[in-house]
Amino acid sequence: MSTITKKDFVDRIAEKTGQKRNDVKETLQLFLDEMIDELAHGNRLEFRDFGVFEVRERAARIAQNPKTLEQVLVPARKAVRFKIGRLMRERIVGESLSETSASF
């Protein structure tokens, strides 16, 4: 397993499409900026078969410091949630939706 960077994606896409590296970089950055803006406005992003990004409010809770066993208040916060889509599930996890929805 290795880490793939934005630069790696830009290089790959530029090579596959024949576009200039700089043009691909600008397009990819614009796409990412738009995603951030939409999520910041509370919108849900749905990419069919890939997955869904949405902002969820996490409730405040009491946690415990494992070293001191002291209870600590963790404030409410927003978090981005990603739900895997059909094609990604099939290619990465190796199961189809029909397999996961089997009734017992």
C-alpha atoms as a PDB file:
ATOM      1  CA  MET A   1       0.000   0.000   0.000  1.00  0.00           C
ATOM      2  CA  SER A   2       1.302   3.467  -0.847  1.00  0.00           C
ATOM      3  CA  THR A   3       0.213   7.080  -0.584  1.00  0.00           C
ATOM      4  CA  ILE A   4      -1.046   8.761  -3.748  1.00  0.00           C
ATOM      5  CA  THR A   5      -0.782  12.545  -3.807  1.00  0.00           C
ATOM      6  CA  LYS A   6      -2.685  15.170  -5.765  1.00  0.00           C
ATOM      7  CA  LYS A   7       0.442  15.562  -7.914  1.00  0.00           C
ATOM      8  CA  ASP A   8       0.288  11.837  -8.758  1.00  0.00           C
ATOM      9  CA  PHE A   9      -3.340  12.212  -9.865  1.00  0.00           C
ATOM     10  CA  VAL A  10      -2.517  15.287 -11.932  1.00  0.00           C
ATOM     11  CA  ASP A  11       0.349  13.473 -13.673  1.00  0.00           C
ATOM     12  CA  ARG A  12      -1.805  10.405 -14.395  1.00  0.00           C
ATOM     13  CA  ILE A  13      -4.751  12.392 -15.736  1.00  0.00           C
ATOM     14  CA  ALA A  14      -2.501  14.610 -17.872  1.00  0.00           C
ATOM     15  CA  GLU A  15      -0.837  11.539 -19.353  1.00  0.00           C
ATOM     16  CA  LYS A  16      -4.144   9.748 -20.068  1.00  0.00           C
ATOM     17  CA  THR A  17      -5.918  12.779 -21.547  1.00  0.00           C
ATOM     18  CA  GLY A  18      -3.015  14.494 -23.290  1.00  0.00           C
ATOM     19  CA  GLN A  19      -3.840  17.751 -21.500  1.00  0.00           C
ATOM     20  CA  LYS A  20      -1.214  20.068 -20.075  1.00  0.00           C
ATOM     21  CA  ARG A  21      -0.264  19.259 -16.515  1.00  0.00           C
ATOM     22  CA  ASN A  22      -1.028  22.820 -15.384  1.00  0.00           C
ATOM     23  CA  ASP A  23      -4.543  22.708 -16.892  1.00  0.00           C
ATOM     24  CA  VAL A  24      -5.296  19.417 -15.146  1.00  0.00           C
ATOM     25  CA  LYS A  25      -3.933  20.778 -11.865  1.00  0.00           C
ATOM     26  CA  GLU A  26      -6.171  23.876 -12.083  1.00  0.00           C
ATOM     27  CA  THR A  27      -9.235  21.798 -12.956  1.00  0.00           C
ATOM     28  CA  LEU A  28      -8.647  19.327 -10.130  1.00  0.00           C
ATOM     29  CA  GLN A  29      -8.092  22.145  -7.619  1.00  0.00           C
ATOM     30  CA  LEU A  30     -11.262  23.901  -8.804  1.00  0.00           C
ATOM     31  CA  PHE A  31     -13.199  20.650  -8.343  1.00  0.00           C
ATOM     32  CA  LEU A  32     -11.861  20.212  -4.798  1.00  0.00           C
ATOM     33  CA  ASP A  33     -12.549  23.867  -3.918  1.00  0.00           C
ATOM     34  CA  GLU A  34     -16.136  23.526  -5.160  1.00  0.00           C
ATOM     35  CA  MET A  35     -16.623  20.384  -3.066  1.00  0.00           C
ATOM     36  CA  ILE A  36     -15.395  22.215   0.034  1.00  0.00           C
ATOM     37  CA  ASP A  37     -17.671  25.197  -0.672  1.00  0.00           C
ATOM     38  CA  GLU A  38     -20.733  22.996  -1.132  1.00  0.00           C
ATOM     39  CA  LEU A  39     -20.051  21.039   2.057  1.00  0.00           C
ATOM     40  CA  ALA A  40     -19.448  24.311   3.945  1.00  0.00           C
ATOM     41  CA  HIS A  41     -22.930  25.431   2.835  1.00  0.00           C
ATOM     42  CA  GLY A  42     -24.388  22.211   4.243  1.00  0.00           C
ATOM     43  CA  ASN A  43     -25.080  20.628   0.864  1.00  0.00           C
ATOM     44  CA  ARG A  44     -24.885  16.906   0.219  1.00  0.00           C
ATOM     45  CA  LEU A  45     -22.646  15.779  -2.662  1.00  0.00           C
ATOM     46  CA  GLU A  46     -23.774  12.653  -4.463  1.00  0.00           C
ATOM     47  CA  PHE A  47     -21.640  10.992  -7.102  1.00  0.00           C
ATOM     48  CA  ARG A  48     -23.600   8.024  -8.469  1.00  0.00           C
ATOM     49  CA  ASP A  49     -21.851   4.679  -7.949  1.00  0.00           C
ATOM     50  CA  PHE A  50     -18.889   6.445  -6.264  1.00  0.00           C
ATOM     51  CA  GLY A  51     -20.409   7.677  -3.026  1.00  0.00           C
ATOM     52  CA  VAL A  52     -21.988  10.480  -1.030  1.00  0.00           C
ATOM     53  CA  PHE A  53     -20.331  13.208   1.036  1.00  0.00           C
ATOM     54  CA  GLU A  54     -22.370  15.030   3.669  1.00  0.00           C
ATOM     55  CA  VAL A  55     -21.793  17.123   6.767  1.00  0.00           C
ATOM     56  CA  ARG A  56     -23.123  15.661   9.988  1.00  0.00           C
ATOM     57  CA  GLU A  57     -23.408  17.286  13.374  1.00  0.00           C
ATOM     58  CA  ARG A  58     -21.719  15.245  16.080  1.00  0.00           C
ATOM     59  CA  ALA A  59     -23.339  15.700  19.474  1.00  0.00           C
ATOM     60  CA  ALA A  60     -21.422  16.843  22.520  1.00  0.00           C
ATOM     61  CA  ARG A  61     -20.366  13.967  24.750  1.00  0.00           C
ATOM     62  CA  ILE A  62     -18.405  13.038  27.825  1.00  0.00           C
ATOM     63  CA  ALA A  63     -15.151  11.194  27.127  1.00  0.00           C
ATOM     64  CA  GLN A  64     -12.485   9.835  29.410  1.00  0.00           C
ATOM     65  CA  ASN A  65      -8.769  10.552  29.320  1.00  0.00           C
ATOM     66  CA  PRO A  66      -7.217   7.054  29.270  1.00  0.00           C
ATOM     67  CA  LYS A  67      -4.113   8.154  31.190  1.00  0.00           C
ATOM     68  CA  THR A  68      -5.737  10.065  34.030  1.00  0.00           C
ATOM     69  CA  LEU A  69      -9.251   8.577  33.825  1.00  0.00           C
ATOM     70  CA  GLU A  70     -10.496  12.157  34.107  1.00  0.00           C
ATOM     71  CA  GLN A  71     -13.815  12.827  32.376  1.00  0.00           C
ATOM     72  CA  VAL A  72     -13.643  15.492  29.676  1.00  0.00           C
ATOM     73  CA  LEU A  73     -16.436  17.280  27.815  1.00  0.00           C
ATOM     74  CA  VAL A  74     -16.035  16.927  24.037  1.00  0.00           C
ATOM     75  CA  PRO A  75     -18.014  19.757  22.396  1.00  0.00           C
ATOM     76  CA  ALA A  76     -20.424  19.272  19.503  1.00  0.00           C
ATOM     77  CA  ARG A  77     -18.795  19.587  16.099  1.00  0.00           C
ATOM     78  CA  LYS A  78     -19.375  19.058  12.424  1.00  0.00           C
ATOM     79  CA  ALA A  79     -17.769  16.182  10.559  1.00  0.00           C
ATOM     80  CA  VAL A  80     -17.785  15.132   6.909  1.00  0.00           C
ATOM     81  CA  ARG A  81     -19.201  11.660   6.382  1.00  0.00           C
ATOM     82  CA  PHE A  82     -18.578   9.575   3.272  1.00  0.00           C
ATOM     83  CA  LYS A  83     -20.861   6.709   2.325  1.00  0.00           C
ATOM     84  CA  ILE A  84     -19.361   4.331  -0.209  1.00  0.00           C
ATOM     85  CA  GLY A  85     -21.185   3.879  -3.532  1.00  0.00           C
ATOM     86  CA  ARG A  86     -22.029   0.737  -5.474  1.00  0.00           C
ATOM     87  CA  LEU A  87     -19.084   0.585  -7.892  1.00  0.00           C
ATOM     88  CA  MET A  88     -16.553   1.455  -5.209  1.00  0.00           C
ATOM     89  CA  ARG A  89     -18.010  -1.181  -2.887  1.00  0.00           C
ATOM     90  CA  GLU A  90     -17.796  -3.825  -5.601  1.00  0.00           C
ATOM     91  CA  ARG A  91     -14.204  -2.953  -6.591  1.00  0.00           C
ATOM     92  CA  ILE A  92     -12.741  -2.341  -3.138  1.00  0.00           C
ATOM     93  CA  VAL A  93     -14.796  -4.352  -0.693  1.00  0.00           C
ATOM     94  CA  GLY A  94     -15.641  -7.072  -3.193  1.00  0.00           C
ATOM     95  CA  GLU A  95     -19.339  -7.313  -2.515  1.00  0.00           C
ATOM     96  CA  SER A  96     -22.382  -6.207  -4.446  1.00  0.00           C
ATOM     97  CA  LEU A  97     -25.439  -4.523  -2.951  1.00  0.00           C
ATOM     98  CA  SER A  98     -27.480  -7.677  -3.551  1.00  0.00           C
ATOM     99  CA  GLU A  99     -25.073  -9.607  -1.298  1.00  0.00           C
ATOM    100  CA  THR A 100     -25.311  -7.051   1.519  1.00  0.00           C
ATOM    101  CA  SER A 101     -29.091  -6.840   1.426  1.00  0.00           C
ATOM    102  CA  ALA A 102     -29.742 -10.573   1.782  1.00  0.00           C
ATOM    103  CA  SER A 103     -32.526 -11.291   4.249  1.00  0.00           C
ATOM    104  CA  PHE A 104     -32.294 -13.921   6.945  1.00  0.00           C
END
